[in-house]
Protein backbone atom coordinates (compact mmCIF):
# COMPACT_ATOMS: atom_id res chain seq x y z
CA MET A 1 -0.07 -16.49 10.66
CA LYS A 2 2.43 -14.88 12.76
CA ALA A 3 3.39 -11.42 11.13
CA ALA A 4 7.44 -10.32 11.50
CA SER A 5 8.26 -6.99 13.42
CA ALA A 6 11.19 -6.08 11.25
CA LEU A 7 8.98 -2.88 10.37
CA VAL A 8 7.07 -2.42 13.36
CA GLY A 9 8.23 -1.28 16.74
CA SER A 10 9.26 2.23 18.37
CA LYS A 11 12.76 3.55 18.61
CA PRO A 12 14.55 4.41 21.74
CA VAL A 13 14.26 7.95 23.15
CA ILE A 14 18.07 9.43 23.06
CA THR A 15 18.21 12.66 25.21
CA GLY A 16 20.45 15.58 24.53
CA VAL A 17 20.03 14.93 20.58
CA THR A 18 18.12 17.24 18.80
CA PRO A 19 15.43 15.38 16.88
CA THR A 20 15.22 15.13 13.22
CA MET A 21 11.89 14.07 12.47
CA ARG A 22 9.60 17.12 11.82
CA ILE A 23 5.75 16.78 12.14
CA LEU A 24 3.42 19.59 11.34
CA PHE A 25 -0.44 19.67 12.67
CA VAL A 26 -2.83 22.13 10.94
CA ASP A 27 -6.25 22.97 12.50
CA ASP A 28 -8.23 26.49 12.83
CA GLU A 29 -9.63 25.17 16.13
CA SER A 30 -7.04 26.54 18.86
CA ASN A 31 -8.15 24.53 21.79
CA LEU A 32 -8.04 21.28 19.75
CA LEU A 33 -4.67 22.12 18.43
CA ASP A 34 -3.42 22.87 22.24
CA ALA A 35 -4.94 19.81 23.16
CA THR A 36 -2.81 17.91 20.73
CA ARG A 37 0.22 19.73 21.38
CA ARG A 38 0.20 18.79 25.27
CA SER A 39 -1.11 15.03 24.25
CA LEU A 40 2.19 14.83 22.36
CA HIS A 41 4.62 16.98 24.52
CA HIS A 42 6.45 13.72 25.86
CA MET A 43 7.24 13.04 22.21
CA ARG A 44 9.39 16.59 22.11
CA ASN A 45 12.72 14.34 22.64
CA GLU A 46 11.75 12.24 19.34
CA TRP A 47 9.92 14.66 17.42
CA ARG A 48 10.21 18.24 16.34
CA MET A 49 6.55 19.61 16.13
CA GLU A 50 4.89 22.64 14.85
CA PHE A 51 1.36 23.63 15.36
CA VAL A 52 -0.49 26.18 12.88
CA SER A 53 -3.77 27.44 12.62
CA SER A 54 -4.48 27.53 8.71
CA GLY A 55 -3.60 26.00 5.01
CA ALA A 56 -1.69 29.33 4.28
CA ALA A 57 0.33 29.24 7.44
CA ALA A 58 1.48 25.26 6.95
CA LEU A 59 2.62 26.17 3.31
CA GLU A 60 4.72 29.14 4.55
CA SER A 61 6.02 26.67 6.97
CA LEU A 62 6.65 24.26 4.58
CA ALA A 63 8.30 26.63 2.32
CA HIS A 64 10.87 27.34 4.87
CA GLU A 65 11.49 24.01 6.11
CA PRO A 66 9.74 20.64 4.88
CA ALA A 67 7.93 18.30 7.20
CA ASP A 68 8.17 14.65 7.23
CA VAL A 69 4.71 14.40 8.34
CA LEU A 70 1.44 17.05 7.89
CA VAL A 71 -1.52 16.24 10.00
CA SER A 72 -4.43 18.47 8.67
CA ASP A 73 -8.13 19.09 10.11
CA MET A 74 -10.27 18.56 6.91
CA ARG A 75 -12.74 21.30 7.69
CA MET A 76 -11.02 24.73 7.52
CA PRO A 77 -12.06 28.48 6.66
CA GLY A 78 -9.96 29.75 3.41
CA MET A 79 -8.38 26.69 2.47
CA ASP A 80 -9.69 23.44 3.65
CA GLY A 81 -7.74 20.07 4.57
CA TRP A 82 -8.18 18.48 1.00
CA GLN A 83 -7.08 21.71 -0.62
CA LEU A 84 -4.37 22.11 1.68
CA LEU A 85 -3.21 18.16 1.01
CA ALA A 86 -3.31 18.94 -2.70
CA GLU A 87 -1.23 21.75 -2.81
CA VAL A 88 1.32 19.90 -0.61
CA LYS A 89 1.33 16.83 -2.86
CA LYS A 90 2.31 19.01 -5.66
CA ARG A 91 4.73 21.51 -3.85
CA HIS A 92 6.26 18.74 -1.25
CA PRO A 93 5.48 15.35 -2.86
CA GLN A 94 7.88 13.73 -0.12
CA VAL A 95 5.67 14.76 2.59
CA ILE A 96 3.61 11.82 4.56
CA ARG A 97 0.38 13.50 4.61
CA LEU A 98 -2.52 12.57 7.15
CA ILE A 99 -5.94 13.92 6.74
CA LEU A 100 -7.92 14.26 10.52
CA SER A 101 -11.69 14.90 10.61
CA GLY A 102 -14.84 14.54 12.61
CA TYR A 103 -16.92 15.31 9.89
CA ALA A 104 -18.41 12.45 7.76
CA ASP A 105 -18.87 14.59 4.48
CA PRO A 106 -18.69 12.41 1.70
CA THR A 107 -17.95 15.20 -0.76
CA SER A 108 -14.96 16.58 1.16
CA THR A 109 -13.41 12.97 1.91
CA MET A 110 -13.65 11.86 -1.77
CA ARG A 111 -11.61 14.99 -2.76
CA SER A 112 -8.96 13.65 -0.22
CA ILE A 113 -9.11 10.18 -1.87
CA GLY A 114 -5.88 11.24 -4.00
CA THR A 115 -4.47 13.29 -1.55
CA ALA A 116 -4.14 12.02 1.84
CA HIS A 117 -2.21 8.79 2.73
CA GLN A 118 -4.49 8.13 5.49
CA TYR A 119 -7.94 9.16 6.85
CA LEU A 120 -8.00 9.46 10.81
CA ALA A 121 -11.46 9.99 12.39
CA LYS A 122 -11.96 12.50 14.93
CA PRO A 123 -11.68 12.34 17.94
CA CYS A 124 -8.47 10.78 17.64
CA GLU A 125 -7.10 9.45 20.65
CA SER A 126 -3.67 10.30 21.33
CA ALA A 127 -2.09 6.96 21.15
CA THR A 128 -3.80 6.29 17.91
CA LEU A 129 -2.40 9.67 16.52
CA LYS A 130 0.69 8.63 17.92
CA ALA A 131 0.83 5.02 16.22
CA ALA A 132 -0.07 6.45 12.56
CA ILE A 133 2.87 9.15 12.55
CA ALA A 134 5.41 6.81 14.10
CA LYS A 135 4.27 4.01 11.96
CA ALA A 136 4.61 6.39 8.65
CA LEU A 137 8.20 7.48 10.06
CA LEU A 138 9.21 4.24 10.51
CA LEU A 139 8.03 3.45 6.97
CA ARG A 140 10.48 6.16 5.64
CA THR A 141 13.48 4.55 6.96
CA MET A 142 12.95 1.46 4.43
CA LEU A 143 13.42 3.86 1.62
CA SER A 144 17.00 4.26 -0.05
CA SER A 145 16.79 7.65 -1.07
CA GLU A 146 14.56 10.81 -1.00
CA HIS A 147 13.85 10.60 -4.70
CA LEU A 148 11.83 7.40 -3.61
CA ALA A 149 9.88 8.97 -1.37
CA GLN A 150 9.02 11.71 -4.13
CA LEU A 151 8.10 9.20 -6.19
CA ALA A 152 5.58 7.31 -3.79
CA GLY A 153 4.31 10.46 -2.38
CA ASN A 154 3.12 11.64 -6.04
CA VAL A 155 0.97 8.63 -6.48
CA GLU A 156 -2.86 9.33 -5.94
CA LEU A 157 -4.40 6.14 -7.30
CA LEU A 158 -2.47 3.06 -8.79
CA PRO A 159 -3.15 2.62 -12.58
CA SER A 160 -5.75 -0.34 -13.82
CA THR A 161 -5.40 -1.65 -17.42
CA PRO A 162 -7.94 -0.19 -19.94
CA GLN A 163 -9.67 -3.63 -20.60
CA ALA A 164 -10.15 -4.14 -16.80
CA PHE A 165 -11.60 -0.73 -16.03
CA GLN A 166 -13.96 -1.01 -18.95
CA GLU A 167 -14.91 -4.62 -17.80
CA VAL A 168 -15.76 -3.43 -14.36
CA LEU A 169 -17.72 -0.22 -15.78
CA THR A 170 -19.93 -2.25 -17.97
CA CYS A 171 -20.39 -4.53 -15.11
CA LEU A 172 -21.94 -1.88 -12.99
CA GLN A 173 -23.83 -0.57 -15.36
CA GLN A 174 -25.98 -3.86 -15.56
CA PRO A 175 -29.45 -3.68 -13.75
CA ASN A 176 -28.88 -7.04 -12.07
CA VAL A 177 -25.44 -6.81 -11.24
CA THR A 178 -24.31 -8.56 -7.80
CA VAL A 179 -21.70 -8.11 -5.35
CA ALA A 180 -19.89 -11.61 -6.58
CA ASP A 181 -20.02 -10.06 -10.05
CA ALA A 182 -18.26 -6.90 -9.50
CA ALA A 183 -15.68 -8.83 -6.79
CA ARG A 184 -14.81 -11.35 -9.68
CA LEU A 185 -13.65 -8.62 -11.84
CA ILE A 186 -12.18 -6.03 -9.37
CA ALA A 187 -9.72 -9.02 -7.83
CA ARG A 188 -8.46 -9.85 -11.13
CA ASP A 189 -6.61 -6.39 -11.14
CA VAL A 190 -3.89 -5.27 -8.72
CA ALA A 191 -4.31 -1.70 -8.86
CA MET A 192 -8.23 -1.93 -8.29
CA THR A 193 -7.57 -4.56 -5.20
CA ALA A 194 -4.95 -1.82 -3.99
CA ASN A 195 -7.26 1.21 -4.35
CA ILE A 196 -10.59 -0.49 -2.85
CA LEU A 197 -9.12 -1.92 0.11
CA LYS A 198 -7.19 1.35 1.21
CA LEU A 199 -10.76 2.84 0.74
CA VAL A 200 -12.77 0.51 2.77
CA ASN A 201 -10.04 0.34 5.73
CA SER A 202 -9.69 4.06 6.04
CA ALA A 203 -11.44 5.41 8.95
CA PHE A 204 -14.13 7.27 6.96
CA PHE A 205 -15.85 4.13 6.06
CA GLY A 206 -15.81 2.82 9.66
CA ALA A 207 -14.69 -0.78 9.21
CA LYS A 208 -14.27 -2.49 13.01
CA GLN A 209 -11.70 -4.82 11.86
CA THR A 210 -9.27 -4.87 8.64
CA ILE A 211 -10.95 -6.08 5.59
CA SER A 212 -8.36 -8.08 3.19
CA ARG A 213 -10.83 -9.54 0.70
CA VAL A 214 -12.45 -7.69 -2.23
CA ASP A 215 -15.71 -9.52 -1.87
CA ARG A 216 -16.07 -8.39 1.69
CA ALA A 217 -15.12 -4.97 0.62
CA ILE A 218 -17.54 -4.51 -1.92
CA ALA A 219 -20.60 -6.34 0.06
CA TYR A 220 -19.40 -3.54 3.20
CA LEU A 221 -19.33 -0.34 0.80
CA GLY A 222 -22.52 -1.71 -1.23
CA LEU A 223 -22.55 -1.42 -4.97
CA ASP A 224 -24.08 1.96 -4.83
CA THR A 225 -21.13 3.49 -3.17
CA ILE A 226 -18.46 1.03 -5.45
CA GLY A 227 -20.41 2.72 -8.45
CA ALA A 228 -20.27 6.29 -7.15
CA LEU A 229 -16.54 5.68 -6.67
CA VAL A 230 -15.64 4.36 -9.92
CA LEU A 231 -18.16 6.69 -12.03
CA GLY A 232 -17.84 9.78 -9.98
CA HIS A 233 -14.66 10.00 -8.95
CA SER A 234 -12.36 7.65 -11.05
CA VAL A 235 -11.23 5.61 -8.22
CA PHE A 236 -10.46 2.98 -10.62
CA ASN A 237 -9.77 4.99 -13.67
CA GLN A 238 -6.97 3.82 -15.88
CA HIS A 239 -3.68 6.24 -16.08
CA GLU A 240 -1.07 6.66 -18.78
CA VAL A 241 1.42 4.21 -18.31
CA SER A 242 4.98 3.06 -19.61
CA ARG A 243 4.76 0.10 -21.92
CA THR A 244 8.53 -0.03 -22.44
CA ARG A 245 10.07 0.15 -19.00
CA GLY A 246 9.98 -3.55 -17.60
CA ALA A 247 6.90 -5.57 -17.98
CA SER A 248 3.92 -4.60 -19.67
CA ILE A 249 1.04 -3.76 -17.07
CA GLY A 250 -0.93 -7.03 -18.74
CA ASN A 251 2.00 -9.20 -18.26
CA LEU A 252 2.46 -7.80 -14.60
CA TRP A 253 -1.43 -8.51 -13.90
CA GLN A 254 -0.96 -12.19 -14.88
CA HIS A 255 2.10 -12.61 -13.03
CA SER A 256 0.61 -11.18 -9.93
CA LEU A 257 -2.62 -13.64 -10.17
CA GLN A 258 -0.17 -16.40 -10.50
CA THR A 259 1.52 -15.39 -7.31
CA ALA A 260 -1.39 -14.81 -5.44
CA ALA A 261 -3.00 -18.28 -6.12
CA ALA A 262 0.41 -20.10 -5.94
CA ALA A 263 0.88 -18.28 -2.41
CA SER A 264 -2.55 -19.43 -1.46
CA ALA A 265 -1.95 -22.80 -2.25
CA ILE A 266 1.54 -23.17 -0.42
CA ALA A 267 -0.21 -21.84 2.67
CA LEU A 268 -2.87 -24.32 2.46
CA CYS A 269 -0.10 -26.87 1.64
CA GLU A 270 1.55 -25.72 4.96
CA GLN A 271 -1.50 -26.29 7.04
CA TYR A 272 -1.95 -22.63 7.64
CA SER A 273 -5.65 -21.39 8.47
CA ALA A 274 -8.09 -20.25 5.58
CA THR A 275 -7.77 -16.74 6.50
CA SER A 276 -3.84 -17.12 6.46
CA ALA A 277 -3.94 -18.32 2.77
CA GLU A 278 -6.39 -15.32 2.23
CA GLU A 279 -3.67 -13.19 3.50
CA ALA A 280 -1.27 -14.88 1.44
CA PHE A 281 -3.25 -14.50 -1.64
CA LEU A 282 -3.60 -10.73 -0.84
CA ALA A 283 0.12 -10.20 -0.52
CA GLY A 284 0.48 -12.26 -3.81
CA LEU A 285 -1.28 -10.08 -5.54
CA LEU A 286 0.05 -6.90 -4.24
CA HIS A 287 3.82 -8.25 -4.50
CA ASP A 288 4.89 -6.07 -7.25
CA VAL A 289 2.85 -3.14 -6.45
CA GLY A 290 5.94 -1.22 -6.79
CA LYS A 291 6.48 -1.92 -10.61
CA LEU A 292 3.13 -0.04 -11.03
CA VAL A 293 4.18 2.92 -9.47
CA PHE A 294 7.21 3.12 -11.63
CA ALA A 295 5.10 2.37 -14.93
CA MET A 296 3.15 5.85 -14.32
CA LYS A 297 4.23 8.15 -16.71
CA SER A 298 2.19 11.03 -14.95
CA ILE A 299 4.91 11.14 -12.35
CA ASN A 300 7.86 10.76 -14.62
CA PRO A 301 9.63 8.49 -12.28
CA LEU A 302 12.89 7.95 -13.79
CA GLY A 303 13.47 11.11 -16.15
CA ASP A 304 15.49 10.35 -18.73
CA ALA A 305 16.84 7.12 -17.80
CA ASP A 306 16.91 4.55 -21.08
CA ASP A 307 15.10 1.21 -20.70
CA ALA A 308 18.09 -0.67 -19.60
CA GLN A 309 18.67 1.90 -16.95
CA ALA A 310 14.92 2.13 -15.99
CA ALA A 311 14.60 -1.85 -15.85
CA THR A 312 17.73 -1.84 -13.40
CA GLN A 313 16.26 0.73 -10.95
CA ILE A 314 12.81 -0.85 -11.03
CA GLU A 315 14.25 -4.39 -10.33
CA LEU A 316 16.19 -2.77 -7.35
CA HIS A 317 13.89 -0.66 -5.70
CA HIS A 318 9.96 -1.59 -6.73
CA ALA A 319 9.78 -3.78 -3.39
CA GLU A 320 10.53 -0.78 -1.05
CA VAL A 321 8.51 1.35 -3.18
CA GLY A 322 5.68 -0.77 -2.97
CA ALA A 323 5.75 -1.81 0.47
CA TYR A 324 6.13 1.75 1.40
CA LEU A 325 3.20 3.15 -0.23
CA LEU A 326 1.15 0.24 1.18
CA GLY A 327 2.09 0.95 4.25
CA LEU A 328 1.26 4.65 4.16
CA TRP A 329 -2.35 3.52 2.67
CA GLY A 330 -2.62 1.57 6.11
CA PHE A 331 -2.46 -1.89 4.69
CA PRO A 332 -1.36 -4.48 7.52
CA THR A 333 2.34 -4.73 8.80
CA SER A 334 2.38 -8.36 7.52
CA ILE A 335 1.36 -7.54 4.00
CA VAL A 336 3.85 -4.35 3.87
CA GLU A 337 6.73 -6.59 5.26
CA ALA A 338 5.85 -9.57 2.51
CA VAL A 339 6.09 -6.93 0.01
CA ALA A 340 9.50 -5.42 1.07
CA PHE A 341 10.99 -8.60 1.56
CA HIS A 342 9.24 -10.85 -1.26
CA HIS A 343 13.24 -11.03 -3.05
CA THR A 344 14.71 -11.36 0.44
CA PRO A 345 12.79 -13.01 2.88
CA SER A 346 15.75 -13.87 5.02
CA ARG A 347 15.32 -10.24 6.17
CA SER A 348 12.17 -11.11 7.76
CA LEU A 349 11.91 -11.86 11.47
CA ASP A 350 9.69 -14.68 11.04
CA THR A 351 11.44 -17.83 12.45
CA GLY A 352 9.63 -20.35 10.06
CA LEU A 353 8.15 -19.83 6.58
CA GLY A 354 6.43 -16.80 7.09
CA LEU A 355 4.24 -14.40 4.96
CA ALA A 356 7.45 -12.97 3.05
CA GLY A 357 8.75 -16.53 2.62
CA ILE A 358 5.53 -17.72 1.09
CA VAL A 359 5.59 -15.00 -1.06
CA HIS A 360 8.66 -15.11 -1.95
CA ILE A 361 8.52 -18.73 -3.11
CA ALA A 362 5.20 -18.31 -4.98
CA ASN A 363 6.81 -15.39 -6.94
CA SER A 364 9.79 -17.60 -7.57
CA LEU A 365 8.09 -20.84 -8.72
CA SER A 366 5.97 -18.50 -11.11
CA TYR A 367 8.84 -17.18 -12.70
CA ALA A 368 10.66 -20.60 -12.94
CA ASP A 369 7.83 -21.83 -14.75
CA GLN A 370 8.17 -19.09 -17.32
CA GLU A 371 11.95 -19.50 -17.63
CA GLY A 372 13.18 -23.01 -16.49
CA GLY A 373 10.53 -25.11 -16.23
CA ALA A 374 8.99 -27.19 -13.32
CA GLN A 375 12.61 -27.72 -12.09
CA GLY A 376 13.98 -24.34 -12.26
CA THR A 377 14.43 -22.27 -9.12
CA GLY A 378 13.94 -19.16 -10.83
CA LYS A 379 14.51 -16.49 -8.48
CA LEU A 380 14.83 -18.54 -5.24
CA GLU A 381 16.97 -17.71 -2.45
CA VAL A 382 17.73 -21.38 -1.47
CA GLY A 383 19.95 -20.16 1.40
CA PHE A 384 16.76 -18.82 3.35
CA LEU A 385 15.38 -22.43 2.91
CA GLU A 386 18.06 -24.06 3.98
CA TYR A 387 18.48 -22.26 7.05
CA ARG A 388 15.07 -22.66 7.82
CA GLY A 389 15.24 -26.33 7.46
CA LEU A 390 12.41 -26.13 4.36
CA LEU A 391 14.33 -27.20 1.21
CA ASP A 392 12.81 -30.36 1.38
CA ARG A 393 9.36 -28.93 0.80
CA LEU A 394 9.91 -27.55 -2.54
CA PRO A 395 8.60 -30.87 -4.40
CA ALA A 396 5.18 -30.46 -1.89
CA TRP A 397 4.89 -26.74 -2.94
CA ARG A 398 5.43 -27.42 -6.27
CA ALA A 399 2.55 -30.17 -6.51
CA ALA A 400 0.02 -28.11 -5.02
CA ILE A 401 0.61 -25.06 -7.56
CA GLY A 402 0.50 -27.61 -9.99
CA SER A 403 -2.80 -29.34 -8.79
CA LEU A 404 -4.44 -25.84 -8.66
CA ARG A 405 -3.43 -25.19 -12.10
CA LEU A 406 -4.79 -28.36 -13.12
CA ASP A 407 -8.04 -27.57 -11.51
CA GLN A 408 -8.15 -23.98 -12.97
CA ALA A 409 -7.65 -25.70 -16.58
CA MET A 410 -10.32 -28.29 -16.11
CA SER A 411 -12.90 -25.66 -14.90
């Protein structure tokens, strides 16, 4: 499936203008810090870069002027990387936090899970580091306010439903549990899916290619690692969530599953490959992940707003918040764009249906079933389909989704 390019690419270098994006690098090894400075010297017209040798110096610098991106080494004397990032998260949640380390220390790495947006392996080639920073900065431009950056920056892990967490916990404690058993339960929960895919695709776990299926992620990590993550590090633990603002987590989980299945059915109906259908399923499952962010009481995202005001804010901004968070976590650009544009697929640069279009239609038809019956259009952007010459495909998509649901009912 061809990915749109609305969120990728690079900005032109404008000479004679003071760069506005500030990047702070932290490493106690002066030779490595100097090497990074030299390798990124050509970016001086685009980024304002500062290089410091300790966590304390980094905090002092941030107190004077917050940065857009922080890149820190993991192992440093006095205050190591995860401690620095935890403090930065508390004081400056809008800062994009990248951890860089050549030491595969599981304990330190697990501590950084909730504080680092991405984990980059050392030695890190200049091009790789530059690309990670550039993508993070580009993602920031999709947010409509600094408040939303702080909101997403406060997120450590997404909240699962208590029932889903308990089911996974019980499953993993069984003596004969299999990968398929664990995957079946984890894949039914939006937050668990996002959390585990974030982890498996981080540089720490060393996956050669992006893993976008939960069963493959669990098989790659192994049940022992999954058990340690769940039991020892609360990766899938439930967080306190708001039940009054927007849909409940249970309803959101149900709708996300319906949208994921519908997106996969539409992709197959359009003769996309099985791999693309899997990607459509994942994008459909994660399309409303921004609503989970707004639902987390622990970060008090909406202050004293009443329920009506909160619902309006969630509806206006959940797509950009969800896409921004997934992008920070290193999810593929195609998934990020599908989440960002699932209400407005006309903003995608795909010339055909595209992944954003598939998720949009799946989401809209799922709502149509709830609100307007089988012939309803729900939240469909009809002009998008008319412009793409695809409006006459609606009956086929409805039939594909209907057949899928009939199969599920009979199974």
